[in-house]
Amino acid sequence: METQAVVFERPGALSVRALELDDLGENDILVDVSWSGISTGTERMLWTGSMPPFPGMGYPLVPGYESVGRVREAGPESNLRAGDWVFAPGASCYGEVKGLFGGTASSIVLPDHRAVSIAPDLKESGVLLALTATAYHAIAGGDLPDLIIGHGVLGRLMARMTVALGGSAPTVWETEPRRRSGGLGYEVMDPEADRQRPYKAIYDVSGKIGALDELIMRLAPGGEIVLAGFYDGDISFQHVPAFLREARIRVAAEWKQGDLRAALRLVESGALSLDGLITHQQSAAEAVSAYGAAFEDPDCLKMILDWSNPQ
């Protein structure tokens, strides 16, 4: 079987080309992808070549961990069936071409336990489930945030989720003026305009290094800073301000299957809205320009690829 896939041949070089798919195992599923999302965090690092050492790293590779599609075929021991709509957090099914994270293709093969059934009416919004699970995993590990750094998709999901889980509306910092709109029941501001202090739980989803000292100065005694973005360099901080506050710093790891299912329940119940987060959509055949817009256009919160005509 063949698939059309986005391939990072090397940093800065992208193609959409045919790849041979691995055969299905007994518990595998073959999914025809309808939409896949572009990550402006990890995929930008893969594109620029700044990705820190990571398991399975190497080029050429198929990126992507945000795919929604329909099961075309299921192995005899699979718990899913042909026709099921699923969210798939990537795949590794391309022979010698690495799948990191392998979801940006017209068809993918993956073990059924990695996919999650979704309602058909979720449609392209399903690509947001990976970031929704990321937000849930970070929040579930500590106190609900009262300050969030960054108002991209992850920051918006985290702010909305805080309210959905019964917390007070957090403050959100955003340095890009064009991204300060769109707060649903919470305030978004320039960090320079914020006179409030201290904060008990600060969540950084910006992915930017070098701001930890400023965040520590805003922290309440015994408070926690959660690094929930993905960072491409060393992170350091001054000891004395952290010492005086007895600061706690937590790194939120990759989400687990339980986080994904909990996040999906919030969406399905109507408690958490995904509206307004997907701002751009292009055909997979236009992947080169789509990645450019996703990485460079501040008005582009989330770019998704439509795989209905990948040629």
Protein backbone atom coordinates (compact mmCIF):
# COMPACT_ATOMS: atom_id res chain seq x y z
CA MET A 1 0.00 0.00 0.00
CA GLU A 2 1.11 3.54 -0.69
CA THR A 3 0.31 6.85 0.95
CA GLN A 4 0.99 10.48 0.13
CA ALA A 5 2.92 12.05 3.00
CA VAL A 6 4.60 15.28 4.01
CA VAL A 7 8.30 14.49 4.32
CA PHE A 8 10.94 16.67 5.92
CA GLU A 9 13.86 15.53 3.79
CA ARG A 10 16.24 17.57 5.94
CA PRO A 11 15.90 20.82 7.90
CA GLY A 12 14.32 23.42 5.64
CA ALA A 13 13.40 20.98 2.86
CA LEU A 14 9.84 19.65 2.53
CA SER A 15 8.11 17.48 -0.05
CA VAL A 16 4.79 15.71 -0.48
CA ARG A 17 5.52 12.32 -1.97
CA ALA A 18 4.44 8.69 -2.12
CA LEU A 19 5.69 6.33 0.59
CA GLU A 20 5.17 2.62 1.04
CA LEU A 21 3.07 1.73 4.07
CA ASP A 22 3.87 -1.14 6.42
CA ASP A 23 1.50 -4.10 6.38
CA LEU A 24 -1.26 -4.27 8.98
CA GLY A 25 -0.69 -6.38 12.08
CA GLU A 26 -3.47 -8.21 13.88
CA ASN A 27 -4.23 -5.24 16.13
CA ASP A 28 -3.48 -2.50 13.60
CA ILE A 29 -5.81 -0.18 11.74
CA LEU A 30 -5.47 1.54 8.38
CA VAL A 31 -6.83 5.09 8.62
CA ASP A 32 -7.63 7.37 5.69
CA VAL A 33 -6.77 10.79 7.08
CA SER A 34 -9.18 13.64 6.39
CA TRP A 35 -7.33 16.43 8.24
CA SER A 36 -4.02 16.83 10.03
CA GLY A 37 -2.71 19.73 12.07
CA ILE A 38 0.62 21.56 11.89
CA SER A 39 2.39 22.06 15.22
CA THR A 40 4.16 25.39 15.59
CA GLY A 41 6.23 23.97 18.47
CA THR A 42 7.85 20.62 17.76
CA GLU A 43 7.37 20.75 13.98
CA ARG A 44 9.00 24.17 13.78
CA MET A 45 12.03 22.68 15.56
CA LEU A 46 12.12 19.75 13.16
CA TRP A 47 11.90 22.22 10.26
CA THR A 48 14.71 24.44 11.54
CA GLY A 49 16.88 21.57 12.77
CA SER A 50 16.81 22.89 16.34
CA MET A 51 14.97 19.89 17.82
CA PRO A 52 16.82 18.67 20.93
CA PRO A 53 17.86 14.99 21.01
CA PHE A 54 14.64 13.00 20.94
CA PRO A 55 13.86 9.26 20.61
CA GLY A 56 13.56 8.32 16.93
CA MET A 57 15.08 11.57 15.71
CA GLY A 58 16.52 11.66 12.21
CA TYR A 59 15.79 12.63 8.59
CA PRO A 60 13.97 12.04 6.34
CA LEU A 61 10.88 12.01 8.55
CA VAL A 62 7.11 12.35 8.42
CA PRO A 63 5.95 14.89 11.05
CA GLY A 64 2.62 15.34 12.76
CA TYR A 65 0.67 14.05 15.75
CA GLU A 66 -2.76 15.58 15.06
CA SER A 67 -4.69 13.48 12.55
CA VAL A 68 -8.39 12.78 12.15
CA GLY A 69 -9.76 10.22 9.75
CA ARG A 70 -11.82 7.13 9.13
CA VAL A 71 -10.77 3.51 9.54
CA ARG A 72 -10.59 1.83 6.14
CA GLU A 73 -9.41 -1.56 7.37
CA ALA A 74 -8.85 -3.17 10.77
CA GLY A 75 -6.81 -6.20 11.78
CA PRO A 76 -8.68 -9.29 13.00
CA GLU A 77 -7.83 -8.59 16.66
CA SER A 78 -8.57 -4.86 16.54
CA ASN A 79 -11.23 -3.29 18.74
CA LEU A 80 -12.03 -0.80 15.99
CA ARG A 81 -13.93 -1.41 12.78
CA ALA A 82 -14.00 -0.07 9.25
CA GLY A 83 -15.99 3.16 9.13
CA ASP A 84 -15.07 4.33 12.65
CA TRP A 85 -13.92 7.94 12.95
CA VAL A 86 -10.77 8.29 15.03
CA PHE A 87 -8.18 10.72 16.29
CA ALA A 88 -4.66 9.40 15.69
CA PRO A 89 -1.61 10.92 17.46
CA GLY A 90 0.83 9.95 14.73
CA ALA A 91 2.19 6.73 13.27
CA SER A 92 5.43 4.95 12.46
CA CYS A 93 4.64 2.96 9.35
CA TYR A 94 6.91 4.15 6.53
CA GLY A 95 9.78 1.68 6.43
CA GLU A 96 13.11 3.50 6.48
CA VAL A 97 11.48 6.95 6.57
CA LYS A 98 11.06 7.88 10.22
CA GLY A 99 7.70 8.71 11.73
CA LEU A 100 8.37 11.65 14.04
CA PHE A 101 5.61 11.86 14.73
CA GLY A 102 4.25 10.42 11.54
CA GLY A 103 0.66 11.56 11.24
CA THR A 104 0.84 13.96 8.30
CA ALA A 105 -0.15 11.62 5.50
CA SER A 106 -3.20 10.65 3.47
CA SER A 107 -3.28 7.16 5.03
CA ILE A 108 -1.53 5.76 8.10
CA VAL A 109 -1.17 2.43 9.86
CA LEU A 110 -1.05 2.30 13.64
CA PRO A 111 -1.96 0.03 16.58
CA ASP A 112 -5.62 0.39 17.47
CA HIS A 113 -4.87 1.25 21.13
CA ARG A 114 -3.18 4.49 20.03
CA ALA A 115 -6.30 5.76 18.25
CA VAL A 116 -9.38 7.13 19.98
CA SER A 117 -12.90 6.92 18.58
CA ILE A 118 -14.56 10.30 18.07
CA ALA A 119 -17.98 11.45 16.95
CA PRO A 120 -18.17 12.18 13.21
CA ASP A 121 -19.58 15.66 13.88
CA LEU A 122 -16.35 16.70 15.62
CA LYS A 123 -14.83 16.82 12.11
CA GLU A 124 -11.62 18.85 11.69
CA SER A 125 -11.79 20.16 15.27
CA GLY A 126 -10.60 16.70 16.28
CA VAL A 127 -7.04 17.65 15.31
CA LEU A 128 -7.01 19.84 18.44
CA LEU A 129 -7.34 16.87 20.78
CA ALA A 130 -3.58 16.43 21.17
CA LEU A 131 -3.17 19.99 22.44
CA THR A 132 -6.30 19.63 24.55
CA ALA A 133 -4.80 16.54 26.18
CA THR A 134 -1.50 18.42 26.64
CA ALA A 135 -3.34 21.18 28.51
CA TYR A 136 -5.23 18.66 30.62
CA HIS A 137 -2.09 16.70 31.54
CA ALA A 138 -0.31 19.86 32.70
CA ILE A 139 -3.26 21.14 34.74
CA ALA A 140 -4.03 17.75 36.30
CA GLY A 141 -0.58 17.68 37.90
CA GLY A 142 -1.10 20.70 40.17
CA ASP A 143 -3.19 23.74 41.01
CA LEU A 144 -5.25 25.39 38.31
CA PRO A 145 -3.33 28.27 36.70
CA ASP A 146 -3.94 31.85 37.68
CA LEU A 147 -1.36 33.12 35.15
CA ILE A 148 -0.74 31.62 31.69
CA ILE A 149 2.12 32.77 29.46
CA GLY A 150 1.19 32.69 25.78
CA HIS A 151 -2.14 33.02 23.95
CA GLY A 152 -1.64 30.60 21.10
CA VAL A 153 -3.85 27.54 20.80
CA LEU A 154 -2.38 25.76 23.83
CA GLY A 155 -2.68 28.87 26.01
CA ARG A 156 -6.29 29.40 24.93
CA LEU A 157 -7.16 25.77 25.59
CA MET A 158 -5.54 25.95 29.01
CA ALA A 159 -7.42 29.13 29.92
CA ARG A 160 -10.74 27.72 28.70
CA MET A 161 -10.09 24.44 30.50
CA THR A 162 -9.33 26.24 33.77
CA VAL A 163 -12.78 27.81 33.67
CA ALA A 164 -14.41 24.56 32.51
CA LEU A 165 -12.93 22.76 35.52
CA GLY A 166 -14.41 25.30 37.93
CA GLY A 167 -11.41 27.57 38.41
CA SER A 168 -11.31 31.34 38.47
CA ALA A 169 -10.59 33.04 35.15
CA PRO A 170 -6.79 33.21 34.75
CA THR A 171 -4.76 36.13 33.51
CA VAL A 172 -3.00 35.48 30.19
CA TRP A 173 0.14 37.26 29.00
CA GLU A 174 0.75 37.73 25.28
CA THR A 175 3.51 39.85 23.72
CA GLU A 176 2.07 39.74 20.16
CA PRO A 177 -0.69 42.40 19.98
CA ARG A 178 -2.63 40.54 17.27
CA ARG A 179 -3.04 37.56 19.57
CA ARG A 180 -4.53 39.40 22.52
CA SER A 181 -8.11 39.06 21.25
CA GLY A 182 -10.29 36.00 21.64
CA GLY A 183 -10.31 35.57 25.41
CA LEU A 184 -13.46 33.73 26.48
CA GLY A 185 -14.18 35.02 29.98
CA TYR A 186 -10.55 35.78 30.85
CA GLU A 187 -8.24 38.76 30.37
CA VAL A 188 -5.33 38.83 27.91
CA MET A 189 -2.72 41.53 28.35
CA ASP A 190 0.75 42.75 27.55
CA PRO A 191 3.05 41.53 30.37
CA GLU A 192 4.33 45.10 30.79
CA ALA A 193 0.81 46.27 31.68
CA ASP A 194 0.27 43.70 34.44
CA ARG A 195 0.66 45.19 37.90
CA GLN A 196 -0.78 42.21 39.72
CA ARG A 197 1.44 40.06 41.90
CA PRO A 198 1.96 37.50 43.20
CA TYR A 199 0.61 34.48 41.36
CA LYS A 200 0.36 31.06 42.96
CA ALA A 201 0.38 28.89 39.81
CA ILE A 202 2.10 30.16 36.65
CA TYR A 203 1.91 28.03 33.49
CA ASP A 204 4.29 28.85 30.64
CA VAL A 205 3.18 27.54 27.24
CA SER A 206 5.22 29.98 25.16
CA GLY A 207 8.13 27.63 24.47
CA LYS A 208 10.48 30.58 24.96
CA ILE A 209 13.58 30.26 27.10
CA GLY A 210 14.99 33.06 29.21
CA ALA A 211 11.84 34.28 31.00
CA LEU A 212 12.04 32.11 34.11
CA ASP A 213 13.62 34.79 36.32
CA GLU A 214 10.78 37.23 35.56
CA LEU A 215 8.18 34.56 36.32
CA ILE A 216 9.85 33.70 39.62
CA MET A 217 9.63 37.37 40.62
CA ARG A 218 5.86 37.16 40.05
CA LEU A 219 5.47 33.99 42.10
CA ALA A 220 3.83 33.74 45.51
CA PRO A 221 5.80 32.05 48.32
CA GLY A 222 5.55 28.31 47.85
CA GLY A 223 4.06 28.78 44.39
CA GLU A 224 4.71 26.69 41.30
CA ILE A 225 5.87 27.44 37.77
CA VAL A 226 4.87 24.81 35.22
CA LEU A 227 6.84 24.56 31.98
CA ALA A 228 4.21 23.17 29.63
CA GLY A 229 5.68 24.25 26.30
CA PHE A 230 8.50 22.58 24.37
CA TYR A 231 11.90 24.26 24.60
CA ASP A 232 14.89 24.09 22.27
CA GLY A 233 17.61 25.27 24.66
CA ASP A 234 18.89 25.15 28.21
CA ILE A 235 16.70 26.75 30.87
CA SER A 236 18.31 28.43 33.87
CA PHE A 237 17.30 30.76 36.69
CA GLN A 238 18.79 32.78 39.52
CA HIS A 239 18.82 30.85 42.76
CA VAL A 240 18.24 33.57 45.36
CA PRO A 241 14.80 34.81 44.16
CA ALA A 242 13.65 31.19 43.85
CA PHE A 243 15.11 30.40 47.28
CA LEU A 244 13.31 33.33 48.93
CA ARG A 245 10.00 32.12 47.53
CA GLU A 246 10.70 28.40 48.02
CA ALA A 247 9.62 28.10 44.40
CA ARG A 248 8.59 24.85 42.79
CA ILE A 249 9.29 24.27 39.10
CA ARG A 250 7.53 21.42 37.29
CA VAL A 251 8.05 20.22 33.73
CA ALA A 252 4.84 18.83 32.25
CA ALA A 253 5.64 15.73 30.22
CA GLU A 254 3.84 14.28 27.23
CA TRP A 255 0.15 13.54 27.70
CA LYS A 256 -1.07 10.01 28.34
CA GLN A 257 -4.05 8.13 26.96
CA GLY A 258 -6.07 8.90 30.08
CA ASP A 259 -5.50 12.62 29.56
CA LEU A 260 -6.76 12.35 25.99
CA ARG A 261 -9.93 10.58 27.05
CA ALA A 262 -10.55 13.06 29.88
CA ALA A 263 -10.05 15.98 27.49
CA LEU A 264 -12.40 14.39 24.96
CA ARG A 265 -15.09 14.04 27.64
CA LEU A 266 -14.85 17.77 28.37
CA VAL A 267 -15.31 18.53 24.68
CA GLU A 268 -18.15 16.04 24.16
CA SER A 269 -20.02 17.32 27.23
CA GLY A 270 -19.94 20.88 25.90
CA ALA A 271 -17.95 22.14 28.90
CA LEU A 272 -14.93 22.94 26.71
CA SER A 273 -15.29 24.74 23.38
CA LEU A 274 -12.84 24.28 20.51
CA ASP A 275 -14.44 27.06 18.48
CA GLY A 276 -12.25 29.68 16.85
CA LEU A 277 -8.96 27.87 17.29
CA ILE A 278 -8.54 26.58 13.74
CA THR A 279 -7.95 29.72 11.71
CA HIS A 280 -6.39 28.43 8.48
CA GLN A 281 -6.89 25.41 6.22
CA GLN A 282 -5.14 24.43 2.98
CA SER A 283 -4.95 21.41 0.72
CA ALA A 284 -2.17 18.96 1.55
CA ALA A 285 -0.91 19.57 -1.99
CA GLU A 286 -0.11 23.11 -0.83
CA ALA A 287 1.88 21.94 2.18
CA VAL A 288 4.91 24.14 1.46
CA SER A 289 2.92 27.38 1.69
CA ALA A 290 0.81 25.99 4.55
CA TYR A 291 3.88 25.35 6.71
CA GLY A 292 5.21 28.80 5.88
CA ALA A 293 2.00 30.45 7.05
CA ALA A 294 1.80 28.27 10.17
CA PHE A 295 5.31 29.23 11.23
CA GLU A 296 5.43 32.88 10.18
CA ASP A 297 1.93 34.42 10.21
CA PRO A 298 0.94 35.64 13.72
CA ASP A 299 -2.71 35.63 12.64
CA CYS A 300 -2.49 31.88 12.06
CA LEU A 301 -3.36 30.16 15.32
CA LYS A 302 -3.79 26.72 13.81
CA MET A 303 -3.19 25.56 10.26
CA ILE A 304 -4.65 22.24 9.18
CA LEU A 305 -4.10 20.25 6.00
CA ASP A 306 -7.03 18.84 4.05
CA TRP A 307 -6.15 15.40 2.64
CA SER A 308 -9.20 15.03 0.37
CA ASN A 309 -6.98 15.71 -2.67
CA PRO A 310 -3.31 15.25 -1.68
CA GLN A 311 -1.91 15.00 -5.21
